[in-house]
């Protein structure tokens, strides 16, 4: 979250991507850092035990949303 906030504060668009387990934490952290509306995308939790192919499938499933957040 700190990296995305840093980018956004310098005018560089960014998107925070995390698993759904971190929705509440991301909301709290972004608000605490003064960027409550920072772009964020959440994927299905958990991710740590996923194979490379499963991670690629997750990425493919959200890439259009990530790009949409950046260009909006």
PDB file of N, CA and C in Angstrom:
ATOM      1  N   UNK A   1       0.818  -1.178   0.000  1.00  0.00           N
ATOM      2  CA  UNK A   1       0.000   0.000   0.000  1.00  0.00           C
ATOM      3  C   UNK A   1       0.868   1.250   0.000  1.00  0.00           C
ATOM      4  N   UNK A   2       1.941   1.233   0.756  1.00  0.00           N
ATOM      5  CA  UNK A   2       2.820   2.404   0.794  1.00  0.00           C
ATOM      6  C   UNK A   2       3.379   2.726  -0.589  1.00  0.00           C
ATOM      7  N   UNK A   3       3.720   1.702  -1.361  1.00  0.00           N
ATOM      8  CA  UNK A   3       4.266   1.941  -2.705  1.00  0.00           C
ATOM      9  C   UNK A   3       3.240   2.594  -3.612  1.00  0.00           C
ATOM     10  N   UNK A   4       2.006   2.119  -3.577  1.00  0.00           N
ATOM     11  CA  UNK A   4       0.961   2.702  -4.424  1.00  0.00           C
ATOM     12  C   UNK A   4       0.677   4.133  -4.001  1.00  0.00           C
ATOM     13  N   UNK A   5       0.614   4.385  -2.716  1.00  0.00           N
ATOM     14  CA  UNK A   5       0.390   5.751  -2.221  1.00  0.00           C
ATOM     15  C   UNK A   5       1.533   6.657  -2.656  1.00  0.00           C
ATOM     16  N   UNK A   6       2.764   6.168  -2.574  1.00  0.00           N
ATOM     17  CA  UNK A   6       3.912   6.960  -3.019  1.00  0.00           C
ATOM     18  C   UNK A   6       3.792   7.290  -4.504  1.00  0.00           C
ATOM     19  N   UNK A   7       3.471   6.296  -5.312  1.00  0.00           N
ATOM     20  CA  UNK A   7       3.308   6.538  -6.748  1.00  0.00           C
ATOM     21  C   UNK A   7       2.206   7.553  -7.007  1.00  0.00           C
ATOM     22  N   UNK A   8       1.051   7.338  -6.391  1.00  0.00           N
ATOM     23  CA  UNK A   8      -0.079   8.238  -6.597  1.00  0.00           C
ATOM     24  C   UNK A   8       0.249   9.663  -6.161  1.00  0.00           C
ATOM     25  N   UNK A   9       0.965   9.815  -5.062  1.00  0.00           N
ATOM     26  CA  UNK A   9       1.297  11.158  -4.595  1.00  0.00           C
ATOM     27  C   UNK A   9       2.242  11.878  -5.545  1.00  0.00           C
ATOM     28  N   UNK A  10       2.958  11.106  -6.382  1.00  0.00           N
ATOM     29  CA  UNK A  10       3.843  11.703  -7.382  1.00  0.00           C
ATOM     30  C   UNK A  10       3.187  11.779  -8.758  1.00  0.00           C
ATOM     31  N   UNK A  11       1.898  11.443  -8.832  1.00  0.00           N
ATOM     32  CA  UNK A  11       1.159  11.534 -10.082  1.00  0.00           C
ATOM     33  C   UNK A  11       1.318  10.338 -10.996  1.00  0.00           C
ATOM     34  N   UNK A  12       1.868   9.265 -10.475  1.00  0.00           N
ATOM     35  CA  UNK A  12       2.039   8.043 -11.264  1.00  0.00           C
ATOM     36  C   UNK A  12       0.900   7.092 -10.904  1.00  0.00           C
ATOM     37  N   UNK A  13       0.060   6.718 -11.875  1.00  0.00           N
ATOM     38  CA  UNK A  13      -1.065   5.841 -11.541  1.00  0.00           C
ATOM     39  C   UNK A  13      -0.589   4.451 -11.125  1.00  0.00           C
ATOM     40  N   UNK A  14      -1.276   3.896 -10.156  1.00  0.00           N
ATOM     41  CA  UNK A  14      -0.950   2.559  -9.685  1.00  0.00           C
ATOM     42  C   UNK A  14      -2.196   1.864  -9.184  1.00  0.00           C
ATOM     43  N   UNK A  15      -2.103   0.561  -9.056  1.00  0.00           N
ATOM     44  CA  UNK A  15      -3.212  -0.247  -8.562  1.00  0.00           C
ATOM     45  C   UNK A  15      -2.672  -1.231  -7.537  1.00  0.00           C
ATOM     46  N   UNK A  16      -3.300  -1.299  -6.395  1.00  0.00           N
ATOM     47  CA  UNK A  16      -2.948  -2.228  -5.335  1.00  0.00           C
ATOM     48  C   UNK A  16      -3.678  -3.538  -5.614  1.00  0.00           C
ATOM     49  N   UNK A  17      -2.958  -4.643  -5.668  1.00  0.00           N
ATOM     50  CA  UNK A  17      -3.555  -5.958  -5.895  1.00  0.00           C
ATOM     51  C   UNK A  17      -3.229  -6.854  -4.704  1.00  0.00           C
ATOM     52  N   UNK A  18      -4.259  -7.436  -4.122  1.00  0.00           N
ATOM     53  CA  UNK A  18      -4.083  -8.323  -2.970  1.00  0.00           C
ATOM     54  C   UNK A  18      -5.208  -9.344  -2.958  1.00  0.00           C
ATOM     55  N   UNK A  19      -5.098 -10.304  -2.059  1.00  0.00           N
ATOM     56  CA  UNK A  19      -6.173 -11.286  -1.947  1.00  0.00           C
ATOM     57  C   UNK A  19      -7.309 -10.716  -1.092  1.00  0.00           C
ATOM     58  N   UNK A  20      -8.465 -11.305  -1.262  1.00  0.00           N
ATOM     59  CA  UNK A  20      -9.681 -10.812  -0.615  1.00  0.00           C
ATOM     60  C   UNK A  20      -9.608 -10.804   0.909  1.00  0.00           C
ATOM     61  N   UNK A  21      -8.696 -11.527   1.469  1.00  0.00           N
ATOM     62  CA  UNK A  21      -8.505 -11.543   2.921  1.00  0.00           C
ATOM     63  C   UNK A  21      -8.111 -10.167   3.462  1.00  0.00           C
ATOM     64  N   UNK A  22      -7.592  -9.296   2.593  1.00  0.00           N
ATOM     65  CA  UNK A  22      -7.025  -8.028   3.038  1.00  0.00           C
ATOM     66  C   UNK A  22      -7.875  -6.807   2.715  1.00  0.00           C
ATOM     67  N   UNK A  23      -9.152  -6.999   2.399  1.00  0.00           N
ATOM     68  CA  UNK A  23     -10.024  -5.871   2.067  1.00  0.00           C
ATOM     69  C   UNK A  23     -10.105  -4.872   3.222  1.00  0.00           C
ATOM     70  N   UNK A  24     -10.418  -5.351   4.406  1.00  0.00           N
ATOM     71  CA  UNK A  24     -10.566  -4.461   5.563  1.00  0.00           C
ATOM     72  C   UNK A  24      -9.248  -3.765   5.887  1.00  0.00           C
ATOM     73  N   UNK A  25      -8.163  -4.504   5.866  1.00  0.00           N
ATOM     74  CA  UNK A  25      -6.852  -3.916   6.141  1.00  0.00           C
ATOM     75  C   UNK A  25      -6.467  -2.868   5.118  1.00  0.00           C
ATOM     76  N   UNK A  26      -6.755  -3.142   3.847  1.00  0.00           N
ATOM     77  CA  UNK A  26      -6.437  -2.182   2.786  1.00  0.00           C
ATOM     78  C   UNK A  26      -7.256  -0.904   2.951  1.00  0.00           C
ATOM     79  N   UNK A  27      -8.524  -1.052   3.311  1.00  0.00           N
ATOM     80  CA  UNK A  27      -9.366   0.126   3.536  1.00  0.00           C
ATOM     81  C   UNK A  27      -8.793   0.986   4.667  1.00  0.00           C
ATOM     82  N   UNK A  28      -8.438   0.341   5.758  1.00  0.00           N
ATOM     83  CA  UNK A  28      -7.908   1.064   6.911  1.00  0.00           C
ATOM     84  C   UNK A  28      -6.566   1.717   6.597  1.00  0.00           C
ATOM     85  N   UNK A  29      -5.691   0.968   5.941  1.00  0.00           N
ATOM     86  CA  UNK A  29      -4.348   1.487   5.648  1.00  0.00           C
ATOM     87  C   UNK A  29      -4.407   2.640   4.659  1.00  0.00           C
ATOM     88  N   UNK A  30      -5.199   2.501   3.599  1.00  0.00           N
ATOM     89  CA  UNK A  30      -5.269   3.588   2.615  1.00  0.00           C
ATOM     90  C   UNK A  30      -5.858   4.848   3.236  1.00  0.00           C
ATOM     91  N   UNK A  31      -6.851   4.689   4.097  1.00  0.00           N
ATOM     92  CA  UNK A  31      -7.423   5.857   4.780  1.00  0.00           C
ATOM     93  C   UNK A  31      -6.394   6.492   5.711  1.00  0.00           C
ATOM     94  N   UNK A  32      -5.673   5.669   6.449  1.00  0.00           N
ATOM     95  CA  UNK A  32      -4.656   6.184   7.378  1.00  0.00           C
ATOM     96  C   UNK A  32      -3.539   6.929   6.653  1.00  0.00           C
ATOM     97  N   UNK A  33      -3.259   6.512   5.421  1.00  0.00           N
ATOM     98  CA  UNK A  33      -2.201   7.149   4.641  1.00  0.00           C
ATOM     99  C   UNK A  33      -2.706   8.364   3.854  1.00  0.00           C
ATOM    100  N   UNK A  34      -4.005   8.655   3.976  1.00  0.00           N
ATOM    101  CA  UNK A  34      -4.570   9.825   3.317  1.00  0.00           C
ATOM    102  C   UNK A  34      -5.000   9.596   1.879  1.00  0.00           C
ATOM    103  N   UNK A  35      -5.089   8.351   1.454  1.00  0.00           N
ATOM    104  CA  UNK A  35      -5.520   8.017   0.103  1.00  0.00           C
ATOM    105  C   UNK A  35      -6.623   6.963   0.155  1.00  0.00           C
ATOM    106  N   UNK A  36      -7.789   7.327   0.707  1.00  0.00           N
ATOM    107  CA  UNK A  36      -8.840   6.322   0.885  1.00  0.00           C
ATOM    108  C   UNK A  36      -9.391   5.755  -0.426  1.00  0.00           C
ATOM    109  N   UNK A  37      -9.189   6.459  -1.515  1.00  0.00           N
ATOM    110  CA  UNK A  37      -9.735   6.010  -2.801  1.00  0.00           C
ATOM    111  C   UNK A  37      -8.687   5.413  -3.726  1.00  0.00           C
ATOM    112  N   UNK A  38      -7.517   5.033  -3.173  1.00  0.00           N
ATOM    113  CA  UNK A  38      -6.481   4.440  -4.015  1.00  0.00           C
ATOM    114  C   UNK A  38      -7.056   3.209  -4.727  1.00  0.00           C
ATOM    115  N   UNK A  39      -6.706   3.053  -5.992  1.00  0.00           N
ATOM    116  CA  UNK A  39      -7.234   1.948  -6.792  1.00  0.00           C
ATOM    117  C   UNK A  39      -6.776   0.620  -6.216  1.00  0.00           C
ATOM    118  N   UNK A  40      -7.700  -0.321  -6.155  1.00  0.00           N
ATOM    119  CA  UNK A  40      -7.383  -1.634  -5.599  1.00  0.00           C
ATOM    120  C   UNK A  40      -8.189  -2.721  -6.287  1.00  0.00           C
ATOM    121  N   UNK A  41      -7.561  -3.850  -6.429  1.00  0.00           N
ATOM    122  CA  UNK A  41      -8.186  -5.033  -7.012  1.00  0.00           C
ATOM    123  C   UNK A  41      -7.909  -6.191  -6.056  1.00  0.00           C
ATOM    124  N   UNK A  42      -8.938  -6.954  -5.753  1.00  0.00           N
ATOM    125  CA  UNK A  42      -8.757  -8.103  -4.878  1.00  0.00           C
ATOM    126  C   UNK A  42      -9.030  -9.389  -5.638  1.00  0.00           C
ATOM    127  N   UNK A  43      -8.179 -10.364  -5.412  1.00  0.00           N
ATOM    128  CA  UNK A  43      -8.327 -11.682  -6.028  1.00  0.00           C
ATOM    129  C   UNK A  43      -8.707 -12.686  -4.948  1.00  0.00           C
ATOM    130  N   UNK A  44      -9.148 -13.837  -5.389  1.00  0.00           N
ATOM    131  CA  UNK A  44      -9.572 -14.891  -4.476  1.00  0.00           C
ATOM    132  C   UNK A  44      -8.443 -15.311  -3.531  1.00  0.00           C
ATOM    133  N   UNK A  45      -8.787 -15.465  -2.275  1.00  0.00           N
ATOM    134  CA  UNK A  45      -7.834 -15.886  -1.238  1.00  0.00           C
ATOM    135  C   UNK A  45      -7.955 -17.394  -1.058  1.00  0.00           C
ATOM    136  N   UNK A  46      -6.913 -18.095  -0.728  1.00  0.00           N
ATOM    137  CA  UNK A  46      -5.525 -17.677  -0.544  1.00  0.00           C
ATOM    138  C   UNK A  46      -4.741 -17.759  -1.849  1.00  0.00           C
ATOM    139  N   UNK A  47      -3.571 -17.144  -1.847  1.00  0.00           N
ATOM    140  CA  UNK A  47      -2.735 -17.220  -3.042  1.00  0.00           C
ATOM    141  C   UNK A  47      -1.399 -17.902  -2.790  1.00  0.00           C
ATOM    142  N   UNK A  48      -0.970 -18.008  -1.541  1.00  0.00           N
ATOM    143  CA  UNK A  48       0.386 -18.489  -1.266  1.00  0.00           C
ATOM    144  C   UNK A  48       0.641 -19.930  -1.705  1.00  0.00           C
ATOM    145  N   UNK A  49      -0.393 -20.756  -1.781  1.00  0.00           N
ATOM    146  CA  UNK A  49      -0.186 -22.153  -2.161  1.00  0.00           C
ATOM    147  C   UNK A  49      -0.529 -22.433  -3.624  1.00  0.00           C
ATOM    148  N   UNK A  50      -0.778 -21.411  -4.384  1.00  0.00           N
ATOM    149  CA  UNK A  50      -1.179 -21.607  -5.785  1.00  0.00           C
ATOM    150  C   UNK A  50       0.031 -21.917  -6.665  1.00  0.00           C
ATOM    151  N   UNK A  51      -0.246 -22.676  -7.699  1.00  0.00           N
ATOM    152  CA  UNK A  51       0.802 -22.985  -8.673  1.00  0.00           C
ATOM    153  C   UNK A  51       1.014 -21.778  -9.579  1.00  0.00           C
ATOM    154  N   UNK A  52       2.079 -21.808 -10.352  1.00  0.00           N
ATOM    155  CA  UNK A  52       2.333 -20.730 -11.314  1.00  0.00           C
ATOM    156  C   UNK A  52       1.163 -20.600 -12.287  1.00  0.00           C
ATOM    157  N   UNK A  53       0.639 -21.715 -12.759  1.00  0.00           N
ATOM    158  CA  UNK A  53      -0.490 -21.668 -13.688  1.00  0.00           C
ATOM    159  C   UNK A  53      -1.729 -21.054 -13.042  1.00  0.00           C
ATOM    160  N   UNK A  54      -1.971 -21.380 -11.788  1.00  0.00           N
ATOM    161  CA  UNK A  54      -3.108 -20.795 -11.078  1.00  0.00           C
ATOM    162  C   UNK A  54      -2.923 -19.291 -10.884  1.00  0.00           C
ATOM    163  N   UNK A  55      -1.699 -18.867 -10.602  1.00  0.00           N
ATOM    164  CA  UNK A  55      -1.427 -17.438 -10.451  1.00  0.00           C
ATOM    165  C   UNK A  55      -1.609 -16.708 -11.775  1.00  0.00           C
ATOM    166  N   UNK A  56      -1.168 -17.346 -12.865  1.00  0.00           N
ATOM    167  CA  UNK A  56      -1.381 -16.734 -14.180  1.00  0.00           C
ATOM    168  C   UNK A  56      -2.877 -16.580 -14.464  1.00  0.00           C
ATOM    169  N   UNK A  57      -3.660 -17.585 -14.122  1.00  0.00           N
ATOM    170  CA  UNK A  57      -5.110 -17.526 -14.339  1.00  0.00           C
ATOM    171  C   UNK A  57      -5.729 -16.392 -13.514  1.00  0.00           C
ATOM    172  N   UNK A  58      -5.281 -16.222 -12.276  1.00  0.00           N
ATOM    173  CA  UNK A  58      -5.766 -15.099 -11.471  1.00  0.00           C
ATOM    174  C   UNK A  58      -5.428 -13.769 -12.139  1.00  0.00           C
ATOM    175  N   UNK A  59      -4.192 -13.652 -12.617  1.00  0.00           N
ATOM    176  CA  UNK A  59      -3.758 -12.416 -13.276  1.00  0.00           C
ATOM    177  C   UNK A  59      -4.571 -12.140 -14.531  1.00  0.00           C
ATOM    178  N   UNK A  60      -4.778 -13.157 -15.329  1.00  0.00           N
ATOM    179  CA  UNK A  60      -5.578 -12.999 -16.552  1.00  0.00           C
ATOM    180  C   UNK A  60      -6.996 -12.549 -16.196  1.00  0.00           C
ATOM    181  N   UNK A  61      -7.515 -13.072 -15.083  1.00  0.00           N
ATOM    182  CA  UNK A  61      -8.873 -12.732 -14.666  1.00  0.00           C
ATOM    183  C   UNK A  61      -9.049 -11.290 -14.221  1.00  0.00           C
ATOM    184  N   UNK A  62      -7.971 -10.618 -13.828  1.00  0.00           N
ATOM    185  CA  UNK A  62      -8.100  -9.243 -13.342  1.00  0.00           C
ATOM    186  C   UNK A  62      -7.372  -8.204 -14.183  1.00  0.00           C
ATOM    187  N   UNK A  63      -6.629  -8.627 -15.186  1.00  0.00           N
ATOM    188  CA  UNK A  63      -5.802  -7.667 -15.931  1.00  0.00           C
ATOM    189  C   UNK A  63      -6.633  -6.538 -16.547  1.00  0.00           C
ATOM    190  N   UNK A  64      -7.809  -6.852 -17.078  1.00  0.00           N
ATOM    191  CA  UNK A  64      -8.635  -5.794 -17.659  1.00  0.00           C
ATOM    192  C   UNK A  64      -9.075  -4.792 -16.593  1.00  0.00           C
ATOM    193  N   UNK A  65      -9.367  -5.280 -15.397  1.00  0.00           N
ATOM    194  CA  UNK A  65      -9.734  -4.377 -14.302  1.00  0.00           C
ATOM    195  C   UNK A  65      -8.570  -3.512 -13.878  1.00  0.00           C
ATOM    196  N   UNK A  66      -7.376  -4.094 -13.824  1.00  0.00           N
ATOM    197  CA  UNK A  66      -6.177  -3.324 -13.467  1.00  0.00           C
ATOM    198  C   UNK A  66      -5.943  -2.215 -14.481  1.00  0.00           C
ATOM    199  N   UNK A  67      -5.985  -2.564 -15.755  1.00  0.00           N
ATOM    200  CA  UNK A  67      -5.788  -1.562 -16.809  1.00  0.00           C
ATOM    201  C   UNK A  67      -6.872  -0.503 -16.746  1.00  0.00           C
ATOM    202  N   UNK A  68      -8.099  -0.921 -16.526  1.00  0.00           N
ATOM    203  CA  UNK A  68      -9.211   0.028 -16.407  1.00  0.00           C
ATOM    204  C   UNK A  68      -9.016   1.019 -15.276  1.00  0.00           C
ATOM    205  N   UNK A  69      -8.496   0.548 -14.140  1.00  0.00           N
ATOM    206  CA  UNK A  69      -8.233   1.439 -13.009  1.00  0.00           C
ATOM    207  C   UNK A  69      -7.137   2.444 -13.350  1.00  0.00           C
ATOM    208  N   UNK A  70      -6.145   2.005 -14.085  1.00  0.00           N
ATOM    209  CA  UNK A  70      -5.024   2.888 -14.416  1.00  0.00           C
ATOM    210  C   UNK A  70      -5.430   3.973 -15.402  1.00  0.00           C
ATOM    211  N   UNK A  71      -6.257   3.627 -16.378  1.00  0.00           N
ATOM    212  CA  UNK A  71      -6.603   4.624 -17.403  1.00  0.00           C
ATOM    213  C   UNK A  71      -7.833   5.442 -17.051  1.00  0.00           C
ATOM    214  N   UNK A  72      -8.496   5.116 -15.962  1.00  0.00           N
ATOM    215  CA  UNK A  72      -9.694   5.892 -15.612  1.00  0.00           C
ATOM    216  C   UNK A  72      -9.357   7.173 -14.877  1.00  0.00           C
TER     217      UNK A  72
END
